[in-house]
Amino acid sequence: MMASSIEIAAQKKELRKLIRQQKDFLSPNERVLKSEAIFNQVEQLPEFINAKCVFAYMAMGDEVQTKEFIQKWINEKMIVLPIVKGNDLELREFTIKEELMPGQSFGILEPREGRLVDIAEIDFAVIPGIAFDKENNRMGRGKGYYDKLLSNASFYKIGVCFNFQFVDAVPIDVFDVKMDNVLLA
């Protein structure tokens, strides 16, 4: 029997709480080292190697860190970052000279000036999440920004997480979008 949306929401809330507690045990240095290990794996993927336009994110303090990865590839690939606009994500090209400003949701750093990018231009995406599972299911922070964006996406989607964020089964609802692959360290 399928779980109801209310049951799924309660399961997600409980899993978010559990992951948040585990994140507190990860030192800033461990976070950086694990993030480097994850992006070393990303950089080996044929889908990444062949990509011209890469969608990424500016990490919050408790997420897989992306700053070094973005800086490393910004001169070789077009890097696209999300900006929260109301209930949706707007896609903007990010360049070296671009200044990042805290956005309206979670205070995440976002580009202000970059060219608006159509989702069809993206070849490869690095997607954050609170939890992932072996079926490539993803659970985010609960606002649905990424699920809305990714429901129309045809590009390769890679979920990135720390090993404690990789669980047996993520509670999923009909609107949740699967990743093509999940990498962890």
C-alpha atoms as a PDB file:
ATOM      1  CA  MET A   1       0.000   0.000   0.000  1.00  0.00           C
ATOM      2  CA  MET A   2       1.244   3.481  -0.923  1.00  0.00           C
ATOM      3  CA  ALA A   3       1.932   5.821   1.956  1.00  0.00           C
ATOM      4  CA  SER A   4      -0.208   8.958   2.010  1.00  0.00           C
ATOM      5  CA  SER A   5       1.302  12.373   1.317  1.00  0.00           C
ATOM      6  CA  ILE A   6       0.891  13.188   5.018  1.00  0.00           C
ATOM      7  CA  GLU A   7       2.815  10.034   6.032  1.00  0.00           C
ATOM      8  CA  ILE A   8       5.536  10.766   3.459  1.00  0.00           C
ATOM      9  CA  ALA A   9       5.859  14.365   4.708  1.00  0.00           C
ATOM     10  CA  ALA A  10       6.222  13.099   8.295  1.00  0.00           C
ATOM     11  CA  GLN A  11       8.874  10.544   7.215  1.00  0.00           C
ATOM     12  CA  LYS A  12      10.787  13.264   5.343  1.00  0.00           C
ATOM     13  CA  LYS A  13      10.649  15.586   8.347  1.00  0.00           C
ATOM     14  CA  GLU A  14      12.059  12.853  10.590  1.00  0.00           C
ATOM     15  CA  LEU A  15      14.840  11.991   8.096  1.00  0.00           C
ATOM     16  CA  ARG A  16      15.788  15.683   7.735  1.00  0.00           C
ATOM     17  CA  LYS A  17      16.093  15.925  11.524  1.00  0.00           C
ATOM     18  CA  LEU A  18      18.258  12.777  11.695  1.00  0.00           C
ATOM     19  CA  ILE A  19      20.600  13.999   8.908  1.00  0.00           C
ATOM     20  CA  ARG A  20      20.866  17.469  10.493  1.00  0.00           C
ATOM     21  CA  GLN A  21      22.043  15.856  13.748  1.00  0.00           C
ATOM     22  CA  GLN A  22      24.668  13.804  11.893  1.00  0.00           C
ATOM     23  CA  LYS A  23      25.948  16.858   9.995  1.00  0.00           C
ATOM     24  CA  ASP A  24      26.965  18.389  13.332  1.00  0.00           C
ATOM     25  CA  PHE A  25      29.577  15.635  13.796  1.00  0.00           C
ATOM     26  CA  LEU A  26      31.387  16.516  10.539  1.00  0.00           C
ATOM     27  CA  SER A  27      34.255  18.972  11.093  1.00  0.00           C
ATOM     28  CA  PRO A  28      34.819  21.788   8.555  1.00  0.00           C
ATOM     29  CA  ASN A  29      38.064  20.077   7.508  1.00  0.00           C
ATOM     30  CA  GLU A  30      36.321  16.705   6.975  1.00  0.00           C
ATOM     31  CA  ARG A  31      33.627  18.493   4.953  1.00  0.00           C
ATOM     32  CA  VAL A  32      36.276  19.988   2.642  1.00  0.00           C
ATOM     33  CA  LEU A  33      38.183  16.693   2.226  1.00  0.00           C
ATOM     34  CA  LYS A  34      35.024  14.691   1.532  1.00  0.00           C
ATOM     35  CA  SER A  35      33.827  17.348  -0.940  1.00  0.00           C
ATOM     36  CA  GLU A  36      37.153  17.136  -2.812  1.00  0.00           C
ATOM     37  CA  ALA A  37      36.817  13.328  -2.972  1.00  0.00           C
ATOM     38  CA  ILE A  38      33.271  13.632  -4.346  1.00  0.00           C
ATOM     39  CA  PHE A  39      34.287  16.123  -7.050  1.00  0.00           C
ATOM     40  CA  ASN A  40      37.281  13.977  -8.030  1.00  0.00           C
ATOM     41  CA  GLN A  41      34.658  11.308  -8.860  1.00  0.00           C
ATOM     42  CA  VAL A  42      32.436  13.821 -10.700  1.00  0.00           C
ATOM     43  CA  GLU A  43      35.369  14.938 -12.877  1.00  0.00           C
ATOM     44  CA  GLN A  44      35.930  11.337 -14.051  1.00  0.00           C
ATOM     45  CA  LEU A  45      32.409  10.914 -15.409  1.00  0.00           C
ATOM     46  CA  PRO A  46      32.162  10.924 -19.228  1.00  0.00           C
ATOM     47  CA  GLU A  47      28.979  12.989 -18.924  1.00  0.00           C
ATOM     48  CA  PHE A  48      30.919  15.702 -17.076  1.00  0.00           C
ATOM     49  CA  ILE A  49      33.984  15.501 -19.330  1.00  0.00           C
ATOM     50  CA  ASN A  50      31.784  15.990 -22.423  1.00  0.00           C
ATOM     51  CA  ALA A  51      29.593  18.708 -20.889  1.00  0.00           C
ATOM     52  CA  LYS A  52      29.942  22.281 -22.125  1.00  0.00           C
ATOM     53  CA  CYS A  53      27.406  23.803 -19.722  1.00  0.00           C
ATOM     54  CA  VAL A  54      27.355  22.700 -16.069  1.00  0.00           C
ATOM     55  CA  PHE A  55      24.642  23.577 -13.574  1.00  0.00           C
ATOM     56  CA  ALA A  56      25.987  23.691 -10.010  1.00  0.00           C
ATOM     57  CA  TYR A  57      25.131  25.401  -6.718  1.00  0.00           C
ATOM     58  CA  MET A  58      26.892  27.571  -4.166  1.00  0.00           C
ATOM     59  CA  ALA A  59      27.024  25.393  -1.071  1.00  0.00           C
ATOM     60  CA  MET A  60      25.643  26.318   2.288  1.00  0.00           C
ATOM     61  CA  GLY A  61      27.950  25.526   5.210  1.00  0.00           C
ATOM     62  CA  ASP A  62      26.547  22.058   5.859  1.00  0.00           C
ATOM     63  CA  GLU A  63      26.466  20.867   2.214  1.00  0.00           C
ATOM     64  CA  VAL A  64      28.998  19.250  -0.095  1.00  0.00           C
ATOM     65  CA  GLN A  65      31.267  22.230  -0.802  1.00  0.00           C
ATOM     66  CA  THR A  66      31.315  23.457  -4.425  1.00  0.00           C
ATOM     67  CA  LYS A  67      33.445  26.628  -4.389  1.00  0.00           C
ATOM     68  CA  GLU A  68      36.736  24.927  -5.358  1.00  0.00           C
ATOM     69  CA  PHE A  69      35.016  22.861  -8.066  1.00  0.00           C
ATOM     70  CA  ILE A  70      33.373  25.948  -9.588  1.00  0.00           C
ATOM     71  CA  GLN A  71      36.618  27.950  -9.494  1.00  0.00           C
ATOM     72  CA  LYS A  72      38.519  25.065 -11.097  1.00  0.00           C
ATOM     73  CA  TRP A  73      36.128  24.735 -14.067  1.00  0.00           C
ATOM     74  CA  ILE A  74      34.812  28.281 -14.598  1.00  0.00           C
ATOM     75  CA  ASN A  75      37.304  29.003 -17.400  1.00  0.00           C
ATOM     76  CA  GLU A  76      36.678  25.719 -19.226  1.00  0.00           C
ATOM     77  CA  LYS A  77      32.920  25.214 -19.001  1.00  0.00           C
ATOM     78  CA  MET A  78      29.940  27.517 -18.755  1.00  0.00           C
ATOM     79  CA  ILE A  79      28.870  27.406 -15.101  1.00  0.00           C
ATOM     80  CA  VAL A  80      25.215  28.064 -14.297  1.00  0.00           C
ATOM     81  CA  LEU A  81      23.974  28.795 -10.776  1.00  0.00           C
ATOM     82  CA  PRO A  82      20.387  28.971  -9.491  1.00  0.00           C
ATOM     83  CA  ILE A  83      18.679  32.055  -8.125  1.00  0.00           C
ATOM     84  CA  VAL A  84      15.500  31.713  -6.091  1.00  0.00           C
ATOM     85  CA  LYS A  85      12.718  33.824  -7.624  1.00  0.00           C
ATOM     86  CA  GLY A  86       9.491  33.347  -5.701  1.00  0.00           C
ATOM     87  CA  ASN A  87       8.742  29.612  -5.824  1.00  0.00           C
ATOM     88  CA  ASP A  88      11.069  28.847  -8.734  1.00  0.00           C
ATOM     89  CA  LEU A  89      14.741  28.698  -9.619  1.00  0.00           C
ATOM     90  CA  GLU A  90      16.072  31.080 -12.245  1.00  0.00           C
ATOM     91  CA  LEU A  91      19.238  29.964 -14.044  1.00  0.00           C
ATOM     92  CA  ARG A  92      22.113  32.431 -14.430  1.00  0.00           C
ATOM     93  CA  GLU A  93      25.529  32.112 -16.011  1.00  0.00           C
ATOM     94  CA  PHE A  94      28.299  32.691 -13.470  1.00  0.00           C
ATOM     95  CA  THR A  95      31.589  34.271 -14.529  1.00  0.00           C
ATOM     96  CA  ILE A  96      34.834  35.018 -12.681  1.00  0.00           C
ATOM     97  CA  LYS A  97      34.126  38.746 -12.441  1.00  0.00           C
ATOM     98  CA  GLU A  98      30.629  38.109 -11.070  1.00  0.00           C
ATOM     99  CA  GLU A  99      29.889  39.096  -7.507  1.00  0.00           C
ATOM    100  CA  LEU A 100      27.759  36.785  -5.382  1.00  0.00           C
ATOM    101  CA  MET A 101      25.107  38.158  -3.030  1.00  0.00           C
ATOM    102  CA  PRO A 102      22.986  36.381  -0.378  1.00  0.00           C
ATOM    103  CA  GLY A 103      19.661  35.351  -1.918  1.00  0.00           C
ATOM    104  CA  GLN A 104      16.101  35.389  -0.561  1.00  0.00           C
ATOM    105  CA  SER A 105      16.006  31.709   0.395  1.00  0.00           C
ATOM    106  CA  PHE A 106      18.331  30.274   3.063  1.00  0.00           C
ATOM    107  CA  GLY A 107      20.796  33.182   2.411  1.00  0.00           C
ATOM    108  CA  ILE A 108      22.503  31.169  -0.352  1.00  0.00           C
ATOM    109  CA  LEU A 109      25.012  33.136  -2.427  1.00  0.00           C
ATOM    110  CA  GLU A 110      23.635  33.890  -5.896  1.00  0.00           C
ATOM    111  CA  PRO A 111      24.913  35.728  -8.997  1.00  0.00           C
ATOM    112  CA  ARG A 112      23.039  38.969  -9.682  1.00  0.00           C
ATOM    113  CA  GLU A 113      24.214  40.019 -13.127  1.00  0.00           C
ATOM    114  CA  GLY A 114      24.811  36.851 -15.148  1.00  0.00           C
ATOM    115  CA  ARG A 115      22.979  36.109 -18.380  1.00  0.00           C
ATOM    116  CA  LEU A 116      19.726  34.182 -17.959  1.00  0.00           C
ATOM    117  CA  VAL A 117      20.246  30.638 -19.211  1.00  0.00           C
ATOM    118  CA  ASP A 118      17.604  28.411 -20.781  1.00  0.00           C
ATOM    119  CA  ILE A 119      17.378  24.958 -19.194  1.00  0.00           C
ATOM    120  CA  ALA A 120      17.954  23.407 -22.644  1.00  0.00           C
ATOM    121  CA  GLU A 121      21.542  24.784 -22.655  1.00  0.00           C
ATOM    122  CA  ILE A 122      22.563  22.656 -19.650  1.00  0.00           C
ATOM    123  CA  ASP A 123      24.390  19.357 -20.286  1.00  0.00           C
ATOM    124  CA  PHE A 124      25.228  18.266 -16.739  1.00  0.00           C
ATOM    125  CA  ALA A 125      24.019  19.161 -13.246  1.00  0.00           C
ATOM    126  CA  VAL A 126      25.414  18.783  -9.736  1.00  0.00           C
ATOM    127  CA  ILE A 127      22.460  18.645  -7.350  1.00  0.00           C
ATOM    128  CA  PRO A 128      22.555  18.981  -3.545  1.00  0.00           C
ATOM    129  CA  GLY A 129      20.187  17.152  -1.237  1.00  0.00           C
ATOM    130  CA  ILE A 130      19.542  16.238   2.358  1.00  0.00           C
ATOM    131  CA  ALA A 131      19.385  12.495   1.563  1.00  0.00           C
ATOM    132  CA  PHE A 132      19.747  10.103  -1.373  1.00  0.00           C
ATOM    133  CA  ASP A 133      19.288   6.341  -1.782  1.00  0.00           C
ATOM    134  CA  LYS A 134      20.486   3.453  -3.985  1.00  0.00           C
ATOM    135  CA  GLU A 135      17.518   3.978  -6.334  1.00  0.00           C
ATOM    136  CA  ASN A 136      18.869   7.530  -7.001  1.00  0.00           C
ATOM    137  CA  ASN A 137      15.953   9.115  -5.156  1.00  0.00           C
ATOM    138  CA  ARG A 138      16.626  12.556  -3.681  1.00  0.00           C
ATOM    139  CA  MET A 139      15.142  14.431  -0.755  1.00  0.00           C
ATOM    140  CA  GLY A 140      15.804  18.165  -0.544  1.00  0.00           C
ATOM    141  CA  ARG A 141      15.065  20.779   2.085  1.00  0.00           C
ATOM    142  CA  GLY A 142      11.339  20.635   1.389  1.00  0.00           C
ATOM    143  CA  LYS A 143      10.641  23.720  -0.730  1.00  0.00           C
ATOM    144  CA  GLY A 144      10.486  21.786  -4.039  1.00  0.00           C
ATOM    145  CA  TYR A 145      12.690  24.239  -5.990  1.00  0.00           C
ATOM    146  CA  TYR A 146      14.889  21.542  -7.528  1.00  0.00           C
ATOM    147  CA  ASP A 147      12.041  19.097  -8.203  1.00  0.00           C
ATOM    148  CA  LYS A 148      10.156  21.792 -10.155  1.00  0.00           C
ATOM    149  CA  LEU A 149      13.256  22.682 -12.165  1.00  0.00           C
ATOM    150  CA  LEU A 150      14.384  19.098 -12.788  1.00  0.00           C
ATOM    151  CA  SER A 151      10.946  17.852 -13.855  1.00  0.00           C
ATOM    152  CA  ASN A 152      11.589  19.610 -17.206  1.00  0.00           C
ATOM    153  CA  ALA A 153      15.257  18.660 -17.502  1.00  0.00           C
ATOM    154  CA  SER A 154      16.864  16.370 -20.041  1.00  0.00           C
ATOM    155  CA  PHE A 155      20.459  16.817 -18.819  1.00  0.00           C
ATOM    156  CA  TYR A 156      22.485  14.347 -16.711  1.00  0.00           C
ATOM    157  CA  LYS A 157      21.759  14.851 -12.994  1.00  0.00           C
ATOM    158  CA  ILE A 158      24.313  13.847 -10.368  1.00  0.00           C
ATOM    159  CA  GLY A 159      23.381  13.962  -6.695  1.00  0.00           C
ATOM    160  CA  VAL A 160      26.231  14.679  -4.282  1.00  0.00           C
ATOM    161  CA  CYS A 161      26.248  13.921  -0.559  1.00  0.00           C
ATOM    162  CA  PHE A 162      28.281  12.828   2.428  1.00  0.00           C
ATOM    163  CA  ASN A 163      28.156   9.089   3.215  1.00  0.00           C
ATOM    164  CA  PHE A 164      25.757   9.513   6.171  1.00  0.00           C
ATOM    165  CA  GLN A 165      23.268  11.209   3.804  1.00  0.00           C
ATOM    166  CA  PHE A 166      23.060   8.039   1.688  1.00  0.00           C
ATOM    167  CA  VAL A 167      20.221   6.027   3.229  1.00  0.00           C
ATOM    168  CA  ASP A 168      18.447   2.734   2.513  1.00  0.00           C
ATOM    169  CA  ALA A 169      15.300   4.406   1.210  1.00  0.00           C
ATOM    170  CA  VAL A 170      14.277   8.038   0.805  1.00  0.00           C
ATOM    171  CA  PRO A 171      10.529   8.617   1.295  1.00  0.00           C
ATOM    172  CA  ILE A 172       9.293   9.722  -2.127  1.00  0.00           C
ATOM    173  CA  ASP A 173       6.229  11.498  -3.422  1.00  0.00           C
ATOM    174  CA  VAL A 174       4.949  11.726  -7.012  1.00  0.00           C
ATOM    175  CA  PHE A 175       6.680  15.070  -7.721  1.00  0.00           C
ATOM    176  CA  ASP A 176      10.159  13.962  -6.509  1.00  0.00           C
ATOM    177  CA  VAL A 177      12.719  13.732  -9.338  1.00  0.00           C
ATOM    178  CA  LYS A 178      15.324  10.942  -9.430  1.00  0.00           C
ATOM    179  CA  MET A 179      18.995  11.553 -10.119  1.00  0.00           C
ATOM    180  CA  ASP A 180      20.888   9.725 -12.874  1.00  0.00           C
ATOM    181  CA  ASN A 181      23.620   8.895 -10.368  1.00  0.00           C
ATOM    182  CA  VAL A 182      24.637   9.697  -6.777  1.00  0.00           C
ATOM    183  CA  LEU A 183      28.234  10.186  -5.626  1.00  0.00           C
ATOM    184  CA  LEU A 184      29.337  10.291  -2.009  1.00  0.00           C
ATOM    185  CA  ALA A 185      32.369  10.259   0.262  1.00  0.00           C
END
